[in-house]
Amino acid sequence: MTHVYTLKIRHSGEEDDVFVFSTRGKAEAHVFEYFEHLFDEEHGLNLNDFQEYLFSEDVGYFDIERQEIL
């Protein structure tokens, strides 16, 4: 493994939680799990639309980054 994906995520006004995943897909899936009380995948929002919703409504924040393993 040459890299991992870190997910920094929080509800507005709270401390960040940080998770590490082996794939970007797993990190993205965890975003929806973390905010599951706000989102039903049947509504068809993609990750970018969901991120915009969280930010515009001041509900929460997340960031996914690829980190190289040295």
PDB file of N, CA and C in Angstrom:
ATOM      1  N   MET A   1       0.860  -1.176   0.000  1.00  0.00           N
ATOM      2  CA  MET A   1       0.000   0.000   0.000  1.00  0.00           C
ATOM      3  C   MET A   1       0.904   1.236   0.000  1.00  0.00           C
ATOM      4  N   THR A   2       0.664   2.139  -0.927  1.00  0.00           N
ATOM      5  CA  THR A   2       1.493   3.337  -1.046  1.00  0.00           C
ATOM      6  C   THR A   2       0.798   4.596  -0.557  1.00  0.00           C
ATOM      7  N   HIS A   3      -0.515   4.480  -0.300  1.00  0.00           N
ATOM      8  CA  HIS A   3      -1.262   5.657   0.155  1.00  0.00           C
ATOM      9  C   HIS A   3      -2.525   5.230   0.911  1.00  0.00           C
ATOM     10  N   VAL A   4      -3.059   6.172   1.660  1.00  0.00           N
ATOM     11  CA  VAL A   4      -4.335   6.000   2.358  1.00  0.00           C
ATOM     12  C   VAL A   4      -5.141   7.272   2.143  1.00  0.00           C
ATOM     13  N   TYR A   5      -6.409   7.210   2.500  1.00  0.00           N
ATOM     14  CA  TYR A   5      -7.274   8.386   2.409  1.00  0.00           C
ATOM     15  C   TYR A   5      -7.707   8.770   3.821  1.00  0.00           C
ATOM     16  N   THR A   6      -7.514  10.031   4.153  1.00  0.00           N
ATOM     17  CA  THR A   6      -7.949  10.514   5.458  1.00  0.00           C
ATOM     18  C   THR A   6      -9.242  11.306   5.277  1.00  0.00           C
ATOM     19  N   LEU A   7     -10.130  11.103   6.206  1.00  0.00           N
ATOM     20  CA  LEU A   7     -11.408  11.813   6.230  1.00  0.00           C
ATOM     21  C   LEU A   7     -11.451  12.624   7.509  1.00  0.00           C
ATOM     22  N   LYS A   8     -11.476  13.946   7.358  1.00  0.00           N
ATOM     23  CA  LYS A   8     -11.665  14.847   8.489  1.00  0.00           C
ATOM     24  C   LYS A   8     -13.112  15.313   8.401  1.00  0.00           C
ATOM     25  N   ILE A   9     -13.875  15.116   9.493  1.00  0.00           N
ATOM     26  CA  ILE A   9     -15.316  15.339   9.417  1.00  0.00           C
ATOM     27  C   ILE A   9     -15.835  15.810  10.772  1.00  0.00           C
ATOM     28  N   ARG A  10     -16.880  16.637  10.738  1.00  0.00           N
ATOM     29  CA  ARG A  10     -17.463  17.090  12.000  1.00  0.00           C
ATOM     30  C   ARG A  10     -18.843  17.672  11.765  1.00  0.00           C
ATOM     31  N   HIS A  11     -19.609  17.697  12.841  1.00  0.00           N
ATOM     32  CA  HIS A  11     -20.860  18.455  12.880  1.00  0.00           C
ATOM     33  C   HIS A  11     -20.475  19.876  13.270  1.00  0.00           C
ATOM     34  N   SER A  12     -21.179  20.881  12.764  1.00  0.00           N
ATOM     35  CA  SER A  12     -20.852  22.276  13.063  1.00  0.00           C
ATOM     36  C   SER A  12     -20.793  22.493  14.567  1.00  0.00           C
ATOM     37  N   GLY A  13     -19.738  23.207  14.986  1.00  0.00           N
ATOM     38  CA  GLY A  13     -19.555  23.536  16.394  1.00  0.00           C
ATOM     39  C   GLY A  13     -18.868  22.459  17.207  1.00  0.00           C
ATOM     40  N   GLU A  14     -18.548  21.332  16.591  1.00  0.00           N
ATOM     41  CA  GLU A  14     -17.906  20.242  17.319  1.00  0.00           C
ATOM     42  C   GLU A  14     -16.474  20.037  16.824  1.00  0.00           C
ATOM     43  N   GLU A  15     -15.726  19.219  17.547  1.00  0.00           N
ATOM     44  CA  GLU A  15     -14.348  18.889  17.185  1.00  0.00           C
ATOM     45  C   GLU A  15     -14.337  17.954  15.970  1.00  0.00           C
ATOM     46  N   ASP A  16     -13.245  18.029  15.197  1.00  0.00           N
ATOM     47  CA  ASP A  16     -13.081  17.138  14.051  1.00  0.00           C
ATOM     48  C   ASP A  16     -12.886  15.701  14.512  1.00  0.00           C
ATOM     49  N   ASP A  17     -13.448  14.780  13.767  1.00  0.00           N
ATOM     50  CA  ASP A  17     -13.131  13.361  13.867  1.00  0.00           C
ATOM     51  C   ASP A  17     -12.295  13.043  12.641  1.00  0.00           C
ATOM     52  N   VAL A  18     -11.286  12.192  12.797  1.00  0.00           N
ATOM     53  CA  VAL A  18     -10.419  11.829  11.673  1.00  0.00           C
ATOM     54  C   VAL A  18     -10.414  10.319  11.532  1.00  0.00           C
ATOM     55  N   PHE A  19     -10.637   9.853  10.305  1.00  0.00           N
ATOM     56  CA  PHE A  19     -10.667   8.428   9.996  1.00  0.00           C
ATOM     57  C   PHE A  19      -9.687   8.169   8.851  1.00  0.00           C
ATOM     58  N   VAL A  20      -9.156   6.954   8.794  1.00  0.00           N
ATOM     59  CA  VAL A  20      -8.230   6.557   7.734  1.00  0.00           C
ATOM     60  C   VAL A  20      -8.824   5.358   7.011  1.00  0.00           C
ATOM     61  N   PHE A  21      -8.798   5.417   5.661  1.00  0.00           N
ATOM     62  CA  PHE A  21      -9.382   4.363   4.831  1.00  0.00           C
ATOM     63  C   PHE A  21      -8.391   3.929   3.758  1.00  0.00           C
ATOM     64  N   SER A  22      -8.540   2.700   3.311  1.00  0.00           N
ATOM     65  CA  SER A  22      -7.659   2.177   2.263  1.00  0.00           C
ATOM     66  C   SER A  22      -8.077   2.641   0.872  1.00  0.00           C
ATOM     67  N   THR A  23      -9.345   3.046   0.703  1.00  0.00           N
ATOM     68  CA  THR A  23      -9.808   3.525  -0.609  1.00  0.00           C
ATOM     69  C   THR A  23     -10.629   4.799  -0.438  1.00  0.00           C
ATOM     70  N   ARG A  24     -10.668   5.588  -1.492  1.00  0.00           N
ATOM     71  CA  ARG A  24     -11.477   6.807  -1.472  1.00  0.00           C
ATOM     72  C   ARG A  24     -12.969   6.464  -1.367  1.00  0.00           C
ATOM     73  N   GLY A  25     -13.367   5.396  -2.014  1.00  0.00           N
ATOM     74  CA  GLY A  25     -14.759   4.979  -1.970  1.00  0.00           C
ATOM     75  C   GLY A  25     -15.238   4.690  -0.558  1.00  0.00           C
ATOM     76  N   LYS A  26     -14.388   4.066   0.243  1.00  0.00           N
ATOM     77  CA  LYS A  26     -14.748   3.785   1.633  1.00  0.00           C
ATOM     78  C   LYS A  26     -14.866   5.078   2.430  1.00  0.00           C
ATOM     79  N   ALA A  27     -13.972   6.029   2.170  1.00  0.00           N
ATOM     80  CA  ALA A  27     -14.038   7.321   2.857  1.00  0.00           C
ATOM     81  C   ALA A  27     -15.326   8.054   2.478  1.00  0.00           C
ATOM     82  N   GLU A  28     -15.662   8.051   1.205  1.00  0.00           N
ATOM     83  CA  GLU A  28     -16.886   8.716   0.746  1.00  0.00           C
ATOM     84  C   GLU A  28     -18.125   8.059   1.356  1.00  0.00           C
ATOM     85  N   ALA A  29     -18.144   6.747   1.423  1.00  0.00           N
ATOM     86  CA  ALA A  29     -19.289   6.050   2.008  1.00  0.00           C
ATOM     87  C   ALA A  29     -19.454   6.418   3.477  1.00  0.00           C
ATOM     88  N   HIS A  30     -18.348   6.619   4.171  1.00  0.00           N
ATOM     89  CA  HIS A  30     -18.422   6.958   5.594  1.00  0.00           C
ATOM     90  C   HIS A  30     -19.020   8.350   5.809  1.00  0.00           C
ATOM     91  N   VAL A  31     -18.832   9.258   4.853  1.00  0.00           N
ATOM     92  CA  VAL A  31     -19.445  10.586   4.964  1.00  0.00           C
ATOM     93  C   VAL A  31     -20.957  10.440   5.106  1.00  0.00           C
ATOM     94  N   PHE A  32     -21.568   9.637   4.257  1.00  0.00           N
ATOM     95  CA  PHE A  32     -23.012   9.450   4.302  1.00  0.00           C
ATOM     96  C   PHE A  32     -23.444   8.725   5.586  1.00  0.00           C
ATOM     97  N   GLU A  33     -22.621   7.792   6.064  1.00  0.00           N
ATOM     98  CA  GLU A  33     -22.928   7.107   7.316  1.00  0.00           C
ATOM     99  C   GLU A  33     -22.864   8.083   8.491  1.00  0.00           C
ATOM    100  N   TYR A  34     -21.857   8.942   8.501  1.00  0.00           N
ATOM    101  CA  TYR A  34     -21.644   9.897   9.592  1.00  0.00           C
ATOM    102  C   TYR A  34     -22.826  10.858   9.723  1.00  0.00           C
ATOM    103  N   PHE A  35     -23.333  11.289   8.598  1.00  0.00           N
ATOM    104  CA  PHE A  35     -24.465  12.218   8.588  1.00  0.00           C
ATOM    105  C   PHE A  35     -25.771  11.509   8.216  1.00  0.00           C
ATOM    106  N   GLU A  36     -25.889  10.231   8.541  1.00  0.00           N
ATOM    107  CA  GLU A  36     -27.034   9.437   8.098  1.00  0.00           C
ATOM    108  C   GLU A  36     -28.369  10.014   8.544  1.00  0.00           C
ATOM    109  N   HIS A  37     -28.404  10.740   9.644  1.00  0.00           N
ATOM    110  CA  HIS A  37     -29.658  11.332  10.109  1.00  0.00           C
ATOM    111  C   HIS A  37     -30.125  12.482   9.208  1.00  0.00           C
ATOM    112  N   LEU A  38     -29.230  12.949   8.318  1.00  0.00           N
ATOM    113  CA  LEU A  38     -29.569  14.067   7.426  1.00  0.00           C
ATOM    114  C   LEU A  38     -29.793  13.644   5.984  1.00  0.00           C
ATOM    115  N   PHE A  39     -29.389  12.463   5.658  1.00  0.00           N
ATOM    116  CA  PHE A  39     -29.305  12.121   4.241  1.00  0.00           C
ATOM    117  C   PHE A  39     -29.837  10.731   3.976  1.00  0.00           C
ATOM    118  N   ASP A  40     -30.648  10.624   2.961  1.00  0.00           N
ATOM    119  CA  ASP A  40     -31.145   9.347   2.487  1.00  0.00           C
ATOM    120  C   ASP A  40     -30.650   9.203   1.054  1.00  0.00           C
ATOM    121  N   GLU A  41     -29.803   8.205   0.817  1.00  0.00           N
ATOM    122  CA  GLU A  41     -29.195   8.057  -0.512  1.00  0.00           C
ATOM    123  C   GLU A  41     -30.220   7.963  -1.631  1.00  0.00           C
ATOM    124  N   GLU A  42     -31.431   7.643  -1.311  1.00  0.00           N
ATOM    125  CA  GLU A  42     -32.463   7.550  -2.342  1.00  0.00           C
ATOM    126  C   GLU A  42     -32.766   8.918  -2.949  1.00  0.00           C
ATOM    127  N   HIS A  43     -32.416   9.988  -2.259  1.00  0.00           N
ATOM    128  CA  HIS A  43     -32.660  11.322  -2.797  1.00  0.00           C
ATOM    129  C   HIS A  43     -31.702  11.666  -3.934  1.00  0.00           C
ATOM    130  N   GLY A  44     -30.659  10.877  -4.114  1.00  0.00           N
ATOM    131  CA  GLY A  44     -29.803  11.020  -5.266  1.00  0.00           C
ATOM    132  C   GLY A  44     -28.739  12.105  -5.203  1.00  0.00           C
ATOM    133  N   LEU A  45     -28.477  12.673  -4.045  1.00  0.00           N
ATOM    134  CA  LEU A  45     -27.402  13.661  -3.959  1.00  0.00           C
ATOM    135  C   LEU A  45     -26.055  12.969  -4.126  1.00  0.00           C
ATOM    136  N   ASN A  46     -25.188  13.574  -4.917  1.00  0.00           N
ATOM    137  CA  ASN A  46     -23.833  13.048  -4.988  1.00  0.00           C
ATOM    138  C   ASN A  46     -23.007  13.701  -3.882  1.00  0.00           C
ATOM    139  N   LEU A  47     -21.783  13.281  -3.738  1.00  0.00           N
ATOM    140  CA  LEU A  47     -20.942  13.757  -2.647  1.00  0.00           C
ATOM    141  C   LEU A  47     -20.718  15.267  -2.706  1.00  0.00           C
ATOM    142  N   ASN A  48     -20.496  15.811  -3.891  1.00  0.00           N
ATOM    143  CA  ASN A  48     -20.275  17.259  -4.020  1.00  0.00           C
ATOM    144  C   ASN A  48     -21.516  18.060  -3.640  1.00  0.00           C
ATOM    145  N   ASP A  49     -22.671  17.607  -4.072  1.00  0.00           N
ATOM    146  CA  ASP A  49     -23.917  18.289  -3.710  1.00  0.00           C
ATOM    147  C   ASP A  49     -24.168  18.207  -2.209  1.00  0.00           C
ATOM    148  N   PHE A  50     -23.858  17.061  -1.626  1.00  0.00           N
ATOM    149  CA  PHE A  50     -24.045  16.880  -0.196  1.00  0.00           C
ATOM    150  C   PHE A  50     -23.101  17.795   0.584  1.00  0.00           C
ATOM    151  N   GLN A  51     -21.854  17.913   0.121  1.00  0.00           N
ATOM    152  CA  GLN A  51     -20.890  18.804   0.776  1.00  0.00           C
ATOM    153  C   GLN A  51     -21.373  20.255   0.713  1.00  0.00           C
ATOM    154  N   GLU A  52     -21.897  20.655  -0.418  1.00  0.00           N
ATOM    155  CA  GLU A  52     -22.426  22.011  -0.563  1.00  0.00           C
ATOM    156  C   GLU A  52     -23.610  22.233   0.383  1.00  0.00           C
ATOM    157  N   TYR A  53     -24.481  21.242   0.494  1.00  0.00           N
ATOM    158  CA  TYR A  53     -25.618  21.335   1.414  1.00  0.00           C
ATOM    159  C   TYR A  53     -25.131  21.500   2.858  1.00  0.00           C
ATOM    160  N   LEU A  54     -24.181  20.675   3.284  1.00  0.00           N
ATOM    161  CA  LEU A  54     -23.668  20.755   4.656  1.00  0.00           C
ATOM    162  C   LEU A  54     -23.095  22.133   4.949  1.00  0.00           C
ATOM    163  N   PHE A  55     -22.338  22.661   4.001  1.00  0.00           N
ATOM    164  CA  PHE A  55     -21.699  23.969   4.189  1.00  0.00           C
ATOM    165  C   PHE A  55     -22.729  25.098   4.177  1.00  0.00           C
ATOM    166  N   SER A  56     -23.618  25.087   3.206  1.00  0.00           N
ATOM    167  CA  SER A  56     -24.573  26.193   3.069  1.00  0.00           C
ATOM    168  C   SER A  56     -25.571  26.250   4.220  1.00  0.00           C
ATOM    169  N   GLU A  57     -25.896  25.098   4.789  1.00  0.00           N
ATOM    170  CA  GLU A  57     -26.840  25.044   5.906  1.00  0.00           C
ATOM    171  C   GLU A  57     -26.137  25.057   7.263  1.00  0.00           C
ATOM    172  N   ASP A  58     -24.796  25.181   7.258  1.00  0.00           N
ATOM    173  CA  ASP A  58     -23.978  25.189   8.477  1.00  0.00           C
ATOM    174  C   ASP A  58     -24.271  23.963   9.344  1.00  0.00           C
ATOM    175  N   VAL A  59     -24.321  22.814   8.691  1.00  0.00           N
ATOM    176  CA  VAL A  59     -24.612  21.558   9.370  1.00  0.00           C
ATOM    177  C   VAL A  59     -23.335  20.829   9.749  1.00  0.00           C
ATOM    178  N   GLY A  60     -22.352  20.874   8.866  1.00  0.00           N
ATOM    179  CA  GLY A  60     -21.123  20.137   9.114  1.00  0.00           C
ATOM    180  C   GLY A  60     -20.119  20.369   8.008  1.00  0.00           C
ATOM    181  N   TYR A  61     -19.047  19.600   8.092  1.00  0.00           N
ATOM    182  CA  TYR A  61     -17.914  19.783   7.191  1.00  0.00           C
ATOM    183  C   TYR A  61     -17.212  18.445   7.030  1.00  0.00           C
ATOM    184  N   PHE A  62     -16.629  18.219   5.857  1.00  0.00           N
ATOM    185  CA  PHE A  62     -15.729  17.083   5.693  1.00  0.00           C
ATOM    186  C   PHE A  62     -14.714  17.384   4.605  1.00  0.00           C
ATOM    187  N   ASP A  63     -13.589  16.701   4.697  1.00  0.00           N
ATOM    188  CA  ASP A  63     -12.534  16.826   3.711  1.00  0.00           C
ATOM    189  C   ASP A  63     -11.868  15.463   3.569  1.00  0.00           C
ATOM    190  N   ILE A  64     -11.691  15.016   2.338  1.00  0.00           N
ATOM    191  CA  ILE A  64     -11.018  13.749   2.065  1.00  0.00           C
ATOM    192  C   ILE A  64      -9.710  14.072   1.342  1.00  0.00           C
ATOM    193  N   GLU A  65      -8.610  13.554   1.883  1.00  0.00           N
ATOM    194  CA  GLU A  65      -7.294  13.781   1.272  1.00  0.00           C
ATOM    195  C   GLU A  65      -6.565  12.466   1.086  1.00  0.00           C
ATOM    196  N   ARG A  66      -5.818  12.394   0.008  1.00  0.00           N
ATOM    197  CA  ARG A  66      -4.954  11.242  -0.234  1.00  0.00           C
ATOM    198  C   ARG A  66      -3.616  11.527   0.441  1.00  0.00           C
ATOM    199  N   GLN A  67      -3.145  10.576   1.233  1.00  0.00           N
ATOM    200  CA  GLN A  67      -1.880  10.730   1.954  1.00  0.00           C
ATOM    201  C   GLN A  67      -0.924   9.628   1.516  1.00  0.00           C
ATOM    202  N   GLU A  68       0.235  10.034   1.081  1.00  0.00           N
ATOM    203  CA  GLU A  68       1.274   9.062   0.702  1.00  0.00           C
ATOM    204  C   GLU A  68       1.882   8.446   1.961  1.00  0.00           C
ATOM    205  N   ILE A  69       2.171   7.168   1.907  1.00  0.00           N
ATOM    206  CA  ILE A  69       2.825   6.477   3.011  1.00  0.00           C
ATOM    207  C   ILE A  69       4.301   6.397   2.666  1.00  0.00           C
ATOM    208  N   LEU A  70       5.108   6.940   3.548  1.00  0.00           N
ATOM    209  CA  LEU A  70       6.561   6.950   3.303  1.00  0.00           C
ATOM    210  C   LEU A  70       7.242   5.772   3.972  1.00  0.00           C
TER     211      LEU A  70
END
